[in-house]
């Protein structure tokens, strides 16, 4: 039985003008995307810009499945 990777997620809460938020959500529907997806992409860009590459690599390795699990999926 496969063990899924234990991804840990945190929530971010911000205050934003409600009319602007409604407008952006409305127009994002036309683009077939969501505010959550757009904010996640923006946060990923901030992460890549500000977190040193060595730290990002460490986090990626720490969250990668064990080598034996990867080989058994082939």
N, C-alpha and C. Protein backbone atom coordinates (compact mmCIF):
# COMPACT_ATOMS: atom_id res chain seq x y z
N UNK A 1 0.84 -1.17 0.00
CA UNK A 1 0.00 0.00 0.00
C UNK A 1 0.89 1.24 0.00
N UNK A 2 0.58 2.18 -0.89
CA UNK A 2 1.38 3.39 -0.99
C UNK A 2 1.05 4.35 0.13
N UNK A 3 2.09 4.99 0.65
CA UNK A 3 1.89 6.05 1.63
C UNK A 3 1.96 7.39 0.90
N UNK A 4 0.89 8.17 0.93
CA UNK A 4 0.98 9.47 0.28
C UNK A 4 1.95 10.37 1.02
N UNK A 5 2.54 11.28 0.29
CA UNK A 5 3.45 12.24 0.91
C UNK A 5 2.63 13.12 1.83
N UNK A 6 3.15 13.35 3.02
CA UNK A 6 2.44 14.16 4.01
C UNK A 6 2.71 15.63 3.74
N UNK A 7 1.98 16.21 2.78
CA UNK A 7 2.12 17.63 2.51
C UNK A 7 1.41 18.43 3.58
N UNK A 8 2.09 19.43 4.07
CA UNK A 8 1.50 20.29 5.08
C UNK A 8 1.13 21.60 4.41
N UNK A 9 -0.08 22.04 4.62
CA UNK A 9 -0.54 23.28 4.03
C UNK A 9 -0.92 24.26 5.12
N UNK A 10 -0.68 25.51 4.87
CA UNK A 10 -1.06 26.59 5.78
C UNK A 10 -2.00 27.52 5.04
N UNK A 11 -2.86 28.16 5.77
CA UNK A 11 -3.78 29.13 5.19
C UNK A 11 -3.23 30.53 5.40
N UNK A 12 -3.50 31.39 4.42
CA UNK A 12 -3.12 32.79 4.50
C UNK A 12 -4.40 33.60 4.38
N UNK A 13 -4.58 34.52 5.29
CA UNK A 13 -5.79 35.35 5.26
C UNK A 13 -5.38 36.81 5.13
N UNK A 14 -5.98 37.51 4.16
CA UNK A 14 -5.69 38.93 3.96
C UNK A 14 -6.99 39.70 3.84
N UNK A 15 -6.92 40.97 4.20
CA UNK A 15 -8.08 41.84 4.00
C UNK A 15 -7.90 42.56 2.67
N UNK A 16 -9.00 42.66 1.90
CA UNK A 16 -8.95 43.30 0.59
C UNK A 16 -10.30 43.91 0.31
N UNK A 17 -10.33 44.99 -0.42
CA UNK A 17 -11.57 45.68 -0.76
C UNK A 17 -12.56 44.69 -1.39
N UNK A 18 -13.75 44.59 -0.84
CA UNK A 18 -14.72 43.58 -1.28
C UNK A 18 -15.18 43.79 -2.72
N UNK A 19 -15.34 45.04 -3.15
CA UNK A 19 -15.76 45.28 -4.54
C UNK A 19 -14.67 44.86 -5.52
N UNK A 20 -13.43 45.17 -5.18
CA UNK A 20 -12.33 44.76 -6.04
C UNK A 20 -12.23 43.24 -6.10
N UNK A 21 -12.43 42.59 -4.97
CA UNK A 21 -12.37 41.13 -4.92
C UNK A 21 -13.47 40.51 -5.79
N UNK A 22 -14.68 41.03 -5.67
CA UNK A 22 -15.79 40.53 -6.50
C UNK A 22 -15.48 40.71 -7.98
N UNK A 23 -14.90 41.86 -8.34
CA UNK A 23 -14.57 42.13 -9.74
C UNK A 23 -13.51 41.16 -10.26
N UNK A 24 -12.46 40.95 -9.49
CA UNK A 24 -11.40 40.06 -9.95
C UNK A 24 -11.91 38.63 -10.06
N UNK A 25 -12.73 38.19 -9.13
CA UNK A 25 -13.30 36.84 -9.20
C UNK A 25 -14.18 36.71 -10.44
N UNK A 26 -14.97 37.74 -10.73
CA UNK A 26 -15.85 37.74 -11.90
C UNK A 26 -15.03 37.57 -13.19
N UNK A 27 -13.97 38.36 -13.34
CA UNK A 27 -13.19 38.31 -14.57
C UNK A 27 -12.27 37.09 -14.64
N UNK A 28 -11.90 36.54 -13.52
CA UNK A 28 -11.11 35.31 -13.55
C UNK A 28 -11.93 34.15 -14.08
N UNK A 29 -13.24 34.17 -13.84
CA UNK A 29 -14.11 33.11 -14.38
C UNK A 29 -14.02 33.06 -15.89
N UNK A 30 -13.95 34.25 -16.53
CA UNK A 30 -13.82 34.30 -17.99
C UNK A 30 -12.54 33.62 -18.46
N UNK A 31 -11.53 33.67 -17.63
CA UNK A 31 -10.24 33.05 -17.97
C UNK A 31 -10.15 31.61 -17.48
N UNK A 32 -11.27 31.11 -16.95
CA UNK A 32 -11.35 29.73 -16.46
C UNK A 32 -10.30 29.45 -15.37
N UNK A 33 -10.16 30.38 -14.46
CA UNK A 33 -9.25 30.20 -13.33
C UNK A 33 -9.93 30.73 -12.07
N UNK A 34 -9.25 30.59 -10.96
CA UNK A 34 -9.83 31.01 -9.68
C UNK A 34 -8.87 31.94 -8.95
N UNK A 35 -9.42 32.66 -8.00
CA UNK A 35 -8.59 33.54 -7.18
C UNK A 35 -7.57 32.72 -6.39
N UNK A 36 -7.96 31.55 -5.94
CA UNK A 36 -7.04 30.69 -5.19
C UNK A 36 -5.85 30.27 -6.06
N UNK A 37 -6.13 29.90 -7.30
CA UNK A 37 -5.05 29.48 -8.20
C UNK A 37 -4.11 30.65 -8.49
N UNK A 38 -4.68 31.82 -8.74
CA UNK A 38 -3.87 33.00 -9.02
C UNK A 38 -3.02 33.40 -7.82
N UNK A 39 -3.60 33.36 -6.63
CA UNK A 39 -2.85 33.71 -5.43
C UNK A 39 -1.76 32.69 -5.13
N UNK A 40 -2.05 31.42 -5.38
CA UNK A 40 -1.04 30.38 -5.19
C UNK A 40 0.13 30.61 -6.14
N UNK A 41 -0.17 30.92 -7.40
CA UNK A 41 0.89 31.21 -8.36
C UNK A 41 1.72 32.42 -7.93
N UNK A 42 1.03 33.46 -7.43
CA UNK A 42 1.74 34.66 -6.98
C UNK A 42 2.62 34.35 -5.77
N UNK A 43 2.11 33.56 -4.85
CA UNK A 43 2.89 33.19 -3.66
C UNK A 43 4.08 32.32 -4.04
N UNK A 44 3.90 31.44 -5.02
CA UNK A 44 5.02 30.63 -5.52
C UNK A 44 6.11 31.53 -6.11
N UNK A 45 5.70 32.57 -6.83
CA UNK A 45 6.68 33.50 -7.42
C UNK A 45 7.44 34.24 -6.33
N UNK A 46 6.76 34.67 -5.27
CA UNK A 46 7.41 35.35 -4.15
C UNK A 46 8.38 34.39 -3.46
N UNK A 47 7.97 33.14 -3.30
CA UNK A 47 8.81 32.10 -2.68
C UNK A 47 10.09 31.92 -3.50
N UNK A 48 9.94 31.75 -4.82
CA UNK A 48 11.10 31.51 -5.68
C UNK A 48 12.03 32.73 -5.71
N UNK A 49 11.45 33.91 -5.64
CA UNK A 49 12.24 35.14 -5.69
C UNK A 49 13.04 35.36 -4.40
N UNK A 50 12.48 34.99 -3.28
CA UNK A 50 13.06 35.36 -2.00
C UNK A 50 13.76 34.25 -1.23
N UNK A 51 13.39 33.00 -1.46
CA UNK A 51 14.00 31.89 -0.72
C UNK A 51 15.21 31.39 -1.52
N UNK A 52 16.37 31.32 -0.90
CA UNK A 52 17.56 30.86 -1.62
C UNK A 52 17.36 29.47 -2.23
N UNK A 53 17.99 29.27 -3.38
CA UNK A 53 17.85 28.01 -4.11
C UNK A 53 18.21 26.79 -3.26
N UNK A 54 19.24 26.91 -2.43
CA UNK A 54 19.64 25.77 -1.60
C UNK A 54 18.55 25.39 -0.60
N UNK A 55 17.86 26.37 -0.08
CA UNK A 55 16.77 26.09 0.86
C UNK A 55 15.60 25.45 0.11
N UNK A 56 15.28 25.96 -1.08
CA UNK A 56 14.19 25.37 -1.88
C UNK A 56 14.51 23.92 -2.22
N UNK A 57 15.77 23.64 -2.59
CA UNK A 57 16.18 22.27 -2.91
C UNK A 57 16.04 21.36 -1.69
N UNK A 58 16.44 21.86 -0.53
CA UNK A 58 16.31 21.08 0.71
C UNK A 58 14.85 20.72 0.96
N UNK A 59 13.97 21.69 0.83
CA UNK A 59 12.54 21.46 1.07
C UNK A 59 11.99 20.45 0.06
N UNK A 60 12.39 20.57 -1.21
CA UNK A 60 11.93 19.63 -2.23
C UNK A 60 12.40 18.21 -1.92
N UNK A 61 13.65 18.06 -1.52
CA UNK A 61 14.18 16.73 -1.19
C UNK A 61 13.49 16.15 0.04
N UNK A 62 13.26 17.01 1.01
CA UNK A 62 12.61 16.57 2.25
C UNK A 62 11.19 16.06 1.97
N UNK A 63 10.52 16.65 1.00
CA UNK A 63 9.14 16.29 0.70
C UNK A 63 9.01 15.26 -0.42
N UNK A 64 10.12 14.83 -1.00
CA UNK A 64 10.08 13.84 -2.08
C UNK A 64 9.80 12.45 -1.51
N UNK A 65 9.13 11.60 -2.30
CA UNK A 65 8.90 10.22 -1.83
C UNK A 65 10.23 9.47 -1.77
N UNK A 66 10.32 8.47 -0.91
CA UNK A 66 11.54 7.66 -0.83
C UNK A 66 11.85 7.02 -2.18
N UNK A 67 13.13 6.80 -2.47
CA UNK A 67 13.55 6.25 -3.76
C UNK A 67 12.89 4.91 -4.05
N UNK A 68 12.74 4.04 -3.05
CA UNK A 68 12.13 2.73 -3.27
C UNK A 68 10.67 2.87 -3.68
N UNK A 69 9.98 3.87 -3.17
CA UNK A 69 8.58 4.08 -3.53
C UNK A 69 8.46 4.58 -4.96
N UNK A 70 9.39 5.41 -5.40
CA UNK A 70 9.37 5.93 -6.76
C UNK A 70 9.60 4.80 -7.75
N UNK A 71 10.56 3.90 -7.48
CA UNK A 71 10.87 2.80 -8.37
C UNK A 71 9.72 1.81 -8.46
N UNK A 72 9.00 1.58 -7.39
CA UNK A 72 7.93 0.60 -7.40
C UNK A 72 6.72 1.08 -8.20
N UNK A 73 6.62 2.39 -8.45
CA UNK A 73 5.51 2.91 -9.23
C UNK A 73 5.72 2.71 -10.73
N UNK A 74 6.93 2.37 -11.16
CA UNK A 74 7.22 2.24 -12.59
C UNK A 74 6.69 1.00 -13.16
